[in-house]
Amino acid sequence: VKRNPQRLNELMWANARYVFFREEPLRDPQAG
């Protein structure tokens, strides 16, 4: 990617899967 920044989208779009998130408080930093 450092050598080919102009092709970043091409690389990213080769993976059609897209994951969405929700924000959660980090109440216990020692828990996963």
PDB file of all heavy atoms in Angstrom:
ATOM      1  N   VAL A   1       0.834  -1.206   0.000  1.00  0.00           N
ATOM      2  CA  VAL A   1       0.000   0.000   0.000  1.00  0.00           C
ATOM      3  C   VAL A   1       0.869   1.256   0.000  1.00  0.00           C
ATOM      4  O   VAL A   1       0.545   2.246  -0.674  1.00  0.00           O
ATOM      5  CB  VAL A   1      -0.963  -0.012   1.202  1.00  0.00           C
ATOM      6  CG1 VAL A   1      -1.664   1.336   1.354  1.00  0.00           C
ATOM      7  CG2 VAL A   1      -1.986  -1.127   1.046  1.00  0.00           C
ATOM      8  N   LYS A   2       1.979   1.224   0.728  1.00  0.00           N
ATOM      9  CA  LYS A   2       2.880   2.389   0.732  1.00  0.00           C
ATOM     10  C   LYS A   2       3.423   2.663  -0.669  1.00  0.00           C
ATOM     11  O   LYS A   2       3.597   3.820  -1.069  1.00  0.00           O
ATOM     12  CB  LYS A   2       4.048   2.136   1.687  1.00  0.00           C
ATOM     13  CG  LYS A   2       3.692   2.249   3.147  1.00  0.00           C
ATOM     14  CD  LYS A   2       4.917   2.018   4.012  1.00  0.00           C
ATOM     15  CE  LYS A   2       4.571   2.100   5.487  1.00  0.00           C
ATOM     16  NZ  LYS A   2       5.755   1.837   6.357  1.00  0.00           N
ATOM     17  N   ARG A   3       3.681   1.594  -1.414  1.00  0.00           N
ATOM     18  CA  ARG A   3       4.208   1.755  -2.775  1.00  0.00           C
ATOM     19  C   ARG A   3       3.116   2.064  -3.789  1.00  0.00           C
ATOM     20  O   ARG A   3       3.402   2.605  -4.859  1.00  0.00           O
ATOM     21  CB  ARG A   3       4.952   0.476  -3.209  1.00  0.00           C
ATOM     22  CG  ARG A   3       6.162   0.131  -2.356  1.00  0.00           C
ATOM     23  CD  ARG A   3       7.033  -0.913  -3.053  1.00  0.00           C
ATOM     24  NE  ARG A   3       6.250  -2.070  -3.507  1.00  0.00           N
ATOM     25  CZ  ARG A   3       6.042  -3.166  -2.795  1.00  0.00           C
ATOM     26  NH1 ARG A   3       6.555  -3.262  -1.567  1.00  0.00           N
ATOM     27  NH2 ARG A   3       5.345  -4.176  -3.276  1.00  0.00           N
ATOM     28  N   ASN A   4       1.884   1.706  -3.470  1.00  0.00           N
ATOM     29  CA  ASN A   4       0.790   1.847  -4.434  1.00  0.00           C
ATOM     30  C   ASN A   4      -0.437   2.521  -3.796  1.00  0.00           C
ATOM     31  O   ASN A   4      -1.534   1.947  -3.803  1.00  0.00           O
ATOM     32  CB  ASN A   4       0.395   0.471  -4.982  1.00  0.00           C
ATOM     33  CG  ASN A   4       1.545  -0.260  -5.659  1.00  0.00           C
ATOM     34  OD1 ASN A   4       1.819  -0.053  -6.825  1.00  0.00           O
ATOM     35  ND2 ASN A   4       2.197  -1.116  -4.889  1.00  0.00           N
ATOM     36  N   PRO A   5      -0.287   3.717  -3.239  1.00  0.00           N
ATOM     37  CA  PRO A   5      -1.435   4.341  -2.558  1.00  0.00           C
ATOM     38  C   PRO A   5      -2.619   4.594  -3.485  1.00  0.00           C
ATOM     39  O   PRO A   5      -3.773   4.603  -3.037  1.00  0.00           O
ATOM     40  CB  PRO A   5      -0.851   5.652  -2.027  1.00  0.00           C
ATOM     41  CG  PRO A   5       0.345   5.916  -2.883  1.00  0.00           C
ATOM     42  CD  PRO A   5       0.896   4.579  -3.233  1.00  0.00           C
ATOM     43  N   GLN A   6      -2.336   4.773  -4.791  1.00  0.00           N
ATOM     44  CA  GLN A   6      -3.413   5.047  -5.739  1.00  0.00           C
ATOM     45  C   GLN A   6      -4.307   3.826  -5.975  1.00  0.00           C
ATOM     46  O   GLN A   6      -5.421   3.952  -6.508  1.00  0.00           O
ATOM     47  CB  GLN A   6      -2.831   5.527  -7.082  1.00  0.00           C
ATOM     48  CG  GLN A   6      -2.157   4.454  -7.929  1.00  0.00           C
ATOM     49  CD  GLN A   6      -0.767   4.040  -7.441  1.00  0.00           C
ATOM     50  OE1 GLN A   6      -0.256   4.573  -6.457  1.00  0.00           O
ATOM     51  NE2 GLN A   6      -0.147   3.093  -8.142  1.00  0.00           N
ATOM     52  N   ARG A   7      -3.862   2.630  -5.544  1.00  0.00           N
ATOM     53  CA  ARG A   7      -4.648   1.417  -5.737  1.00  0.00           C
ATOM     54  C   ARG A   7      -5.280   0.915  -4.431  1.00  0.00           C
ATOM     55  O   ARG A   7      -5.739  -0.225  -4.369  1.00  0.00           O
ATOM     56  CB  ARG A   7      -3.760   0.327  -6.343  1.00  0.00           C
ATOM     57  CG  ARG A   7      -3.219   0.672  -7.731  1.00  0.00           C
ATOM     58  CD  ARG A   7      -2.417  -0.468  -8.319  1.00  0.00           C
ATOM     59  NE  ARG A   7      -3.247  -1.647  -8.556  1.00  0.00           N
ATOM     60  CZ  ARG A   7      -2.741  -2.841  -8.932  1.00  0.00           C
ATOM     61  NH1 ARG A   7      -1.430  -2.976  -9.091  1.00  0.00           N
ATOM     62  NH2 ARG A   7      -3.543  -3.874  -9.140  1.00  0.00           N
ATOM     63  N   LEU A   8      -5.311   1.774  -3.408  1.00  0.00           N
ATOM     64  CA  LEU A   8      -5.836   1.359  -2.112  1.00  0.00           C
ATOM     65  C   LEU A   8      -7.286   0.888  -2.223  1.00  0.00           C
ATOM     66  O   LEU A   8      -7.649  -0.164  -1.694  1.00  0.00           O
ATOM     67  CB  LEU A   8      -5.733   2.510  -1.110  1.00  0.00           C
ATOM     68  CG  LEU A   8      -6.331   2.241   0.272  1.00  0.00           C
ATOM     69  CD1 LEU A   8      -5.618   1.081   0.960  1.00  0.00           C
ATOM     70  CD2 LEU A   8      -6.271   3.499   1.128  1.00  0.00           C
ATOM     71  N   ASN A   9      -8.119   1.652  -2.918  1.00  0.00           N
ATOM     72  CA  ASN A   9      -9.526   1.253  -3.034  1.00  0.00           C
ATOM     73  C   ASN A   9      -9.680  -0.083  -3.741  1.00  0.00           C
ATOM     74  O   ASN A   9     -10.531  -0.904  -3.374  1.00  0.00           O
ATOM     75  CB  ASN A   9     -10.321   2.334  -3.771  1.00  0.00           C
ATOM     76  CG  ASN A   9     -10.657   3.508  -2.872  1.00  0.00           C
ATOM     77  OD1 ASN A   9     -10.597   3.399  -1.648  1.00  0.00           O
ATOM     78  ND2 ASN A   9     -11.007   4.641  -3.478  1.00  0.00           N
ATOM     79  N   GLU A  10      -8.884  -0.317  -4.748  1.00  0.00           N
ATOM     80  CA  GLU A  10      -8.941  -1.591  -5.463  1.00  0.00           C
ATOM     81  C   GLU A  10      -8.683  -2.750  -4.513  1.00  0.00           C
ATOM     82  O   GLU A  10      -9.381  -3.788  -4.558  1.00  0.00           O
ATOM     83  CB  GLU A  10      -7.909  -1.595  -6.597  1.00  0.00           C
ATOM     84  CG  GLU A  10      -7.919  -2.871  -7.431  1.00  0.00           C
ATOM     85  CD  GLU A  10      -6.802  -2.890  -8.475  1.00  0.00           C
ATOM     86  OE1 GLU A  10      -6.036  -1.897  -8.574  1.00  0.00           O
ATOM     87  OE2 GLU A  10      -6.690  -3.913  -9.178  1.00  0.00           O
ATOM     88  N   LEU A  11      -7.692  -2.571  -3.642  1.00  0.00           N
ATOM     89  CA  LEU A  11      -7.380  -3.609  -2.664  1.00  0.00           C
ATOM     90  C   LEU A  11      -8.519  -3.775  -1.666  1.00  0.00           C
ATOM     91  O   LEU A  11      -8.950  -4.899  -1.371  1.00  0.00           O
ATOM     92  CB  LEU A  11      -6.086  -3.251  -1.924  1.00  0.00           C
ATOM     93  CG  LEU A  11      -5.680  -4.199  -0.792  1.00  0.00           C
ATOM     94  CD1 LEU A  11      -5.321  -5.568  -1.339  1.00  0.00           C
ATOM     95  CD2 LEU A  11      -4.517  -3.610   0.004  1.00  0.00           C
ATOM     96  N   MET A  12      -9.021  -2.651  -1.142  1.00  0.00           N
ATOM     97  CA  MET A  12     -10.081  -2.716  -0.140  1.00  0.00           C
ATOM     98  C   MET A  12     -11.340  -3.367  -0.700  1.00  0.00           C
ATOM     99  O   MET A  12     -12.004  -4.172  -0.038  1.00  0.00           O
ATOM    100  CB  MET A  12     -10.416  -1.312   0.375  1.00  0.00           C
ATOM    101  CG  MET A  12      -9.296  -0.588   1.096  1.00  0.00           C
ATOM    102  SD  MET A  12      -8.799  -1.391   2.659  1.00  0.00           S
ATOM    103  CE  MET A  12      -7.254  -2.152   2.158  1.00  0.00           C
ATOM    104  N   TRP A  13     -11.696  -3.025  -1.913  1.00  0.00           N
ATOM    105  CA  TRP A  13     -12.957  -3.493  -2.495  1.00  0.00           C
ATOM    106  C   TRP A  13     -12.907  -4.940  -2.950  1.00  0.00           C
ATOM    107  O   TRP A  13     -13.951  -5.528  -3.266  1.00  0.00           O
ATOM    108  CB  TRP A  13     -13.356  -2.587  -3.656  1.00  0.00           C
ATOM    109  CG  TRP A  13     -13.688  -1.185  -3.201  1.00  0.00           C
ATOM    110  CD1 TRP A  13     -13.997  -0.781  -1.945  1.00  0.00           C
ATOM    111  CD2 TRP A  13     -13.724  -0.005  -4.027  1.00  0.00           C
ATOM    112  NE1 TRP A  13     -14.224   0.573  -1.907  1.00  0.00           N
ATOM    113  CE2 TRP A  13     -14.075   1.084  -3.182  1.00  0.00           C
ATOM    114  CE3 TRP A  13     -13.515   0.264  -5.376  1.00  0.00           C
ATOM    115  CZ2 TRP A  13     -14.200   2.384  -3.641  1.00  0.00           C
ATOM    116  CZ3 TRP A  13     -13.642   1.565  -5.844  1.00  0.00           C
ATOM    117  CH2 TRP A  13     -13.984   2.612  -4.977  1.00  0.00           C
ATOM    118  N   ALA A  14     -11.708  -5.534  -2.982  1.00  0.00           N
ATOM    119  CA  ALA A  14     -11.612  -6.967  -3.289  1.00  0.00           C
ATOM    120  C   ALA A  14     -12.283  -7.799  -2.189  1.00  0.00           C
ATOM    121  O   ALA A  14     -12.632  -8.960  -2.405  1.00  0.00           O
ATOM    122  CB  ALA A  14     -10.153  -7.380  -3.447  1.00  0.00           C
ATOM    123  N   ASN A  15     -12.468  -7.191  -1.017  1.00  0.00           N
ATOM    124  CA  ASN A  15     -13.208  -7.831   0.075  1.00  0.00           C
ATOM    125  C   ASN A  15     -14.587  -7.202   0.149  1.00  0.00           C
ATOM    126  O   ASN A  15     -14.752  -6.075   0.618  1.00  0.00           O
ATOM    127  CB  ASN A  15     -12.461  -7.633   1.399  1.00  0.00           C
ATOM    128  CG  ASN A  15     -13.238  -8.187   2.586  1.00  0.00           C
ATOM    129  OD1 ASN A  15     -14.069  -9.084   2.437  1.00  0.00           O
ATOM    130  ND2 ASN A  15     -12.976  -7.642   3.760  1.00  0.00           N
ATOM    131  N   ALA A  16     -15.600  -7.913  -0.301  1.00  0.00           N
ATOM    132  CA  ALA A  16     -16.963  -7.356  -0.321  1.00  0.00           C
ATOM    133  C   ALA A  16     -17.596  -7.293   1.067  1.00  0.00           C
ATOM    134  O   ALA A  16     -18.540  -6.532   1.286  1.00  0.00           O
ATOM    135  CB  ALA A  16     -17.850  -8.185  -1.252  1.00  0.00           C
ATOM    136  N   ARG A  17     -17.071  -8.077   2.036  1.00  0.00           N
ATOM    137  CA  ARG A  17     -17.644  -8.106   3.393  1.00  0.00           C
ATOM    138  C   ARG A  17     -17.416  -6.761   4.084  1.00  0.00           C
ATOM    139  O   ARG A  17     -16.311  -6.213   4.070  1.00  0.00           O
ATOM    140  CB  ARG A  17     -17.000  -9.233   4.206  1.00  0.00           C
ATOM    141  CG  ARG A  17     -17.300  -9.241   5.705  1.00  0.00           C
ATOM    142  CD  ARG A  17     -18.713  -9.685   5.998  1.00  0.00           C
ATOM    143  NE  ARG A  17     -18.974 -11.031   5.523  1.00  0.00           N
ATOM    144  CZ  ARG A  17     -18.714 -12.143   6.216  1.00  0.00           C
ATOM    145  NH1 ARG A  17     -18.169 -12.077   7.407  1.00  0.00           N
ATOM    146  NH2 ARG A  17     -19.024 -13.322   5.703  1.00  0.00           N
ATOM    147  N   TYR A  18     -18.454  -6.246   4.743  1.00  0.00           N
ATOM    148  CA  TYR A  18     -18.333  -5.013   5.512  1.00  0.00           C
ATOM    149  C   TYR A  18     -18.969  -5.246   6.875  1.00  0.00           C
ATOM    150  O   TYR A  18     -20.117  -5.694   6.976  1.00  0.00           O
ATOM    151  CB  TYR A  18     -19.037  -3.844   4.818  1.00  0.00           C
ATOM    152  CG  TYR A  18     -18.547  -2.485   5.272  1.00  0.00           C
ATOM    153  CD1 TYR A  18     -17.608  -1.787   4.528  1.00  0.00           C
ATOM    154  CD2 TYR A  18     -19.023  -1.912   6.443  1.00  0.00           C
ATOM    155  CE1 TYR A  18     -17.135  -0.551   4.945  1.00  0.00           C
ATOM    156  CE2 TYR A  18     -18.555  -0.682   6.879  1.00  0.00           C
ATOM    157  CZ  TYR A  18     -17.616  -0.011   6.116  1.00  0.00           C
ATOM    158  OH  TYR A  18     -17.139   1.220   6.537  1.00  0.00           O
ATOM    159  N   VAL A  19     -18.227  -4.929   7.940  1.00  0.00           N
ATOM    160  CA  VAL A  19     -18.693  -5.125   9.313  1.00  0.00           C
ATOM    161  C   VAL A  19     -19.036  -3.775   9.926  1.00  0.00           C
ATOM    162  O   VAL A  19     -18.282  -2.804   9.784  1.00  0.00           O
ATOM    163  CB  VAL A  19     -17.623  -5.840  10.157  1.00  0.00           C
ATOM    164  CG1 VAL A  19     -18.025  -5.903  11.625  1.00  0.00           C
ATOM    165  CG2 VAL A  19     -17.377  -7.246   9.616  1.00  0.00           C
ATOM    166  N   PHE A  20     -20.171  -3.727  10.611  1.00  0.00           N
ATOM    167  CA  PHE A  20     -20.615  -2.520  11.301  1.00  0.00           C
ATOM    168  C   PHE A  20     -20.453  -2.716  12.816  1.00  0.00           C
ATOM    169  O   PHE A  20     -20.407  -3.849  13.311  1.00  0.00           O
ATOM    170  CB  PHE A  20     -22.079  -2.232  10.971  1.00  0.00           C
ATOM    171  CG  PHE A  20     -22.330  -2.009   9.503  1.00  0.00           C
ATOM    172  CD1 PHE A  20     -22.774  -3.053   8.699  1.00  0.00           C
ATOM    173  CD2 PHE A  20     -22.111  -0.770   8.921  1.00  0.00           C
ATOM    174  CE1 PHE A  20     -23.010  -2.862   7.344  1.00  0.00           C
ATOM    175  CE2 PHE A  20     -22.343  -0.566   7.567  1.00  0.00           C
ATOM    176  CZ  PHE A  20     -22.788  -1.617   6.773  1.00  0.00           C
ATOM    177  N   PHE A  21     -20.396  -1.583  13.544  1.00  0.00           N
ATOM    178  CA  PHE A  21     -20.088  -1.628  14.968  1.00  0.00           C
ATOM    179  C   PHE A  21     -21.094  -0.834  15.795  1.00  0.00           C
ATOM    180  O   PHE A  21     -21.848  -0.015  15.278  1.00  0.00           O
ATOM    181  CB  PHE A  21     -18.671  -1.076  15.215  1.00  0.00           C
ATOM    182  CG  PHE A  21     -17.593  -1.907  14.586  1.00  0.00           C
ATOM    183  CD1 PHE A  21     -17.135  -1.641  13.303  1.00  0.00           C
ATOM    184  CD2 PHE A  21     -17.033  -2.974  15.274  1.00  0.00           C
ATOM    185  CE1 PHE A  21     -16.141  -2.409  12.717  1.00  0.00           C
ATOM    186  CE2 PHE A  21     -16.044  -3.758  14.693  1.00  0.00           C
ATOM    187  CZ  PHE A  21     -15.597  -3.474  13.417  1.00  0.00           C
ATOM    188  N   ARG A  22     -21.056  -1.108  17.090  1.00  0.00           N
ATOM    189  CA  ARG A  22     -21.766  -0.288  18.078  1.00  0.00           C
ATOM    190  C   ARG A  22     -20.739   0.157  19.117  1.00  0.00           C
ATOM    191  O   ARG A  22     -19.792  -0.577  19.421  1.00  0.00           O
ATOM    192  CB  ARG A  22     -22.898  -1.061  18.745  1.00  0.00           C
ATOM    193  CG  ARG A  22     -22.461  -2.260  19.544  1.00  0.00           C
ATOM    194  CD  ARG A  22     -23.611  -2.852  20.369  1.00  0.00           C
ATOM    195  NE  ARG A  22     -24.682  -3.308  19.500  1.00  0.00           N
ATOM    196  CZ  ARG A  22     -24.782  -4.540  19.018  1.00  0.00           C
ATOM    197  NH1 ARG A  22     -23.824  -5.429  19.295  1.00  0.00           N
ATOM    198  NH2 ARG A  22     -25.787  -4.900  18.263  1.00  0.00           N
ATOM    199  N   GLU A  23     -20.938   1.336  19.657  1.00  0.00           N
ATOM    200  CA  GLU A  23     -20.020   1.832  20.679  1.00  0.00           C
ATOM    201  C   GLU A  23     -20.471   1.368  22.049  1.00  0.00           C
ATOM    202  O   GLU A  23     -21.659   1.409  22.378  1.00  0.00           O
ATOM    203  CB  GLU A  23     -19.956   3.358  20.639  1.00  0.00           C
ATOM    204  CG  GLU A  23     -18.938   3.948  21.598  1.00  0.00           C
ATOM    205  CD  GLU A  23     -18.770   5.451  21.436  1.00  0.00           C
ATOM    206  OE1 GLU A  23     -18.852   5.945  20.282  1.00  0.00           O
ATOM    207  OE2 GLU A  23     -18.562   6.128  22.464  1.00  0.00           O
ATOM    208  N   GLU A  24     -19.505   0.923  22.865  1.00  0.00           N
ATOM    209  CA  GLU A  24     -19.790   0.440  24.207  1.00  0.00           C
ATOM    210  C   GLU A  24     -18.808   1.059  25.188  1.00  0.00           C
ATOM    211  O   GLU A  24     -17.641   1.266  24.855  1.00  0.00           O
ATOM    212  CB  GLU A  24     -19.656  -1.095  24.265  1.00  0.00           C
ATOM    213  CG  GLU A  24     -20.507  -1.851  23.255  1.00  0.00           C
ATOM    214  CD  GLU A  24     -20.138  -3.320  23.174  1.00  0.00           C
ATOM    215  OE1 GLU A  24     -19.203  -3.736  23.893  1.00  0.00           O
ATOM    216  OE2 GLU A  24     -20.779  -4.046  22.397  1.00  0.00           O
ATOM    217  N   PRO A  25     -19.239   1.350  26.401  1.00  0.00           N
ATOM    218  CA  PRO A  25     -18.284   1.854  27.401  1.00  0.00           C
ATOM    219  C   PRO A  25     -17.298   0.765  27.798  1.00  0.00           C
ATOM    220  O   PRO A  25     -17.655  -0.423  27.843  1.00  0.00           O
ATOM    221  CB  PRO A  25     -19.184   2.260  28.573  1.00  0.00           C
ATOM    222  CG  PRO A  25     -20.427   1.449  28.398  1.00  0.00           C
ATOM    223  CD  PRO A  25     -20.611   1.262  26.918  1.00  0.00           C
ATOM    224  N   LEU A  26     -16.074   1.152  28.071  1.00  0.00           N
ATOM    225  CA  LEU A  26     -15.046   0.194  28.491  1.00  0.00           C
ATOM    226  C   LEU A  26     -14.994   0.207  30.022  1.00  0.00           C
ATOM    227  O   LEU A  26     -14.114   0.804  30.629  1.00  0.00           O
ATOM    228  CB  LEU A  26     -13.693   0.568  27.888  1.00  0.00           C
ATOM    229  CG  LEU A  26     -12.571  -0.454  28.017  1.00  0.00           C
ATOM    230  CD1 LEU A  26     -12.932  -1.764  27.336  1.00  0.00           C
ATOM    231  CD2 LEU A  26     -11.280   0.097  27.433  1.00  0.00           C
ATOM    232  N   ARG A  27     -15.968  -0.460  30.629  1.00  0.00           N
ATOM    233  CA  ARG A  27     -16.106  -0.402  32.086  1.00  0.00           C
ATOM    234  C   ARG A  27     -14.997  -1.164  32.805  1.00  0.00           C
ATOM    235  O   ARG A  27     -14.525  -0.752  33.857  1.00  0.00           O
ATOM    236  CB  ARG A  27     -17.474  -0.962  32.496  1.00  0.00           C
ATOM    237  CG  ARG A  27     -18.652  -0.113  32.041  1.00  0.00           C
ATOM    238  CD  ARG A  27     -19.955  -0.561  32.697  1.00  0.00           C
ATOM    239  NE  ARG A  27     -21.071   0.297  32.308  1.00  0.00           N
ATOM    240  CZ  ARG A  27     -21.885   0.056  31.295  1.00  0.00           C
ATOM    241  NH1 ARG A  27     -21.682  -1.025  30.537  1.00  0.00           N
ATOM    242  NH2 ARG A  27     -22.877   0.877  31.011  1.00  0.00           N
ATOM    243  N   ASP A  28     -14.621  -2.301  32.256  1.00  0.00           N
ATOM    244  CA  ASP A  28     -13.575  -3.116  32.885  1.00  0.00           C
ATOM    245  C   ASP A  28     -12.434  -3.307  31.891  1.00  0.00           C
ATOM    246  O   ASP A  28     -12.526  -4.141  30.988  1.00  0.00           O
ATOM    247  CB  ASP A  28     -14.141  -4.478  33.296  1.00  0.00           C
ATOM    248  CG  ASP A  28     -13.109  -5.344  34.008  1.00  0.00           C
ATOM    249  OD1 ASP A  28     -11.957  -4.892  34.176  1.00  0.00           O
ATOM    250  OD2 ASP A  28     -13.452  -6.489  34.380  1.00  0.00           O
ATOM    251  N   PRO A  29     -11.339  -2.543  32.048  1.00  0.00           N
ATOM    252  CA  PRO A  29     -10.230  -2.666  31.101  1.00  0.00           C
ATOM    253  C   PRO A  29      -9.581  -4.043  31.082  1.00  0.00           C
ATOM    254  O   PRO A  29      -8.856  -4.375  30.146  1.00  0.00           O
ATOM    255  CB  PRO A  29      -9.233  -1.595  31.584  1.00  0.00           C
ATOM    256  CG  PRO A  29     -10.031  -0.667  32.417  1.00  0.00           C
ATOM    257  CD  PRO A  29     -11.092  -1.509  33.053  1.00  0.00           C
ATOM    258  N   GLN A  30      -9.834  -4.863  32.128  1.00  0.00           N
ATOM    259  CA  GLN A  30      -9.223  -6.188  32.196  1.00  0.00           C
ATOM    260  C   GLN A  30     -10.104  -7.277  31.589  1.00  0.00           C
ATOM    261  O   GLN A  30      -9.733  -8.453  31.611  1.00  0.00           O
ATOM    262  CB  GLN A  30      -8.908  -6.542  33.654  1.00  0.00           C
ATOM    263  CG  GLN A  30      -7.948  -5.571  34.318  1.00  0.00           C
ATOM    264  CD  GLN A  30      -6.675  -5.377  33.507  1.00  0.00           C
ATOM    265  OE1 GLN A  30      -6.039  -6.350  33.090  1.00  0.00           O
ATOM    266  NE2 GLN A  30      -6.301  -4.136  33.271  1.00  0.00           N
ATOM    267  N   ALA A  31     -11.269  -6.893  31.068  1.00  0.00           N
ATOM    268  CA  ALA A  31     -12.172  -7.875  30.449  1.00  0.00           C
ATOM    269  C   ALA A  31     -12.163  -7.702  28.941  1.00  0.00           C
ATOM    270  O   ALA A  31     -12.067  -6.577  28.434  1.00  0.00           O
ATOM    271  CB  ALA A  31     -13.584  -7.713  30.992  1.00  0.00           C
ATOM    272  N   GLY A  32     -12.269  -8.800  28.247  1.00  0.00           N
ATOM    273  CA  GLY A  32     -12.323  -8.753  26.793  1.00  0.00           C
ATOM    274  C   GLY A  32     -13.704  -8.353  26.296  1.00  0.00           C
ATOM    275  O   GLY A  32     -14.637  -8.139  27.081  1.00  0.00           O
TER     276      GLY A  32
END
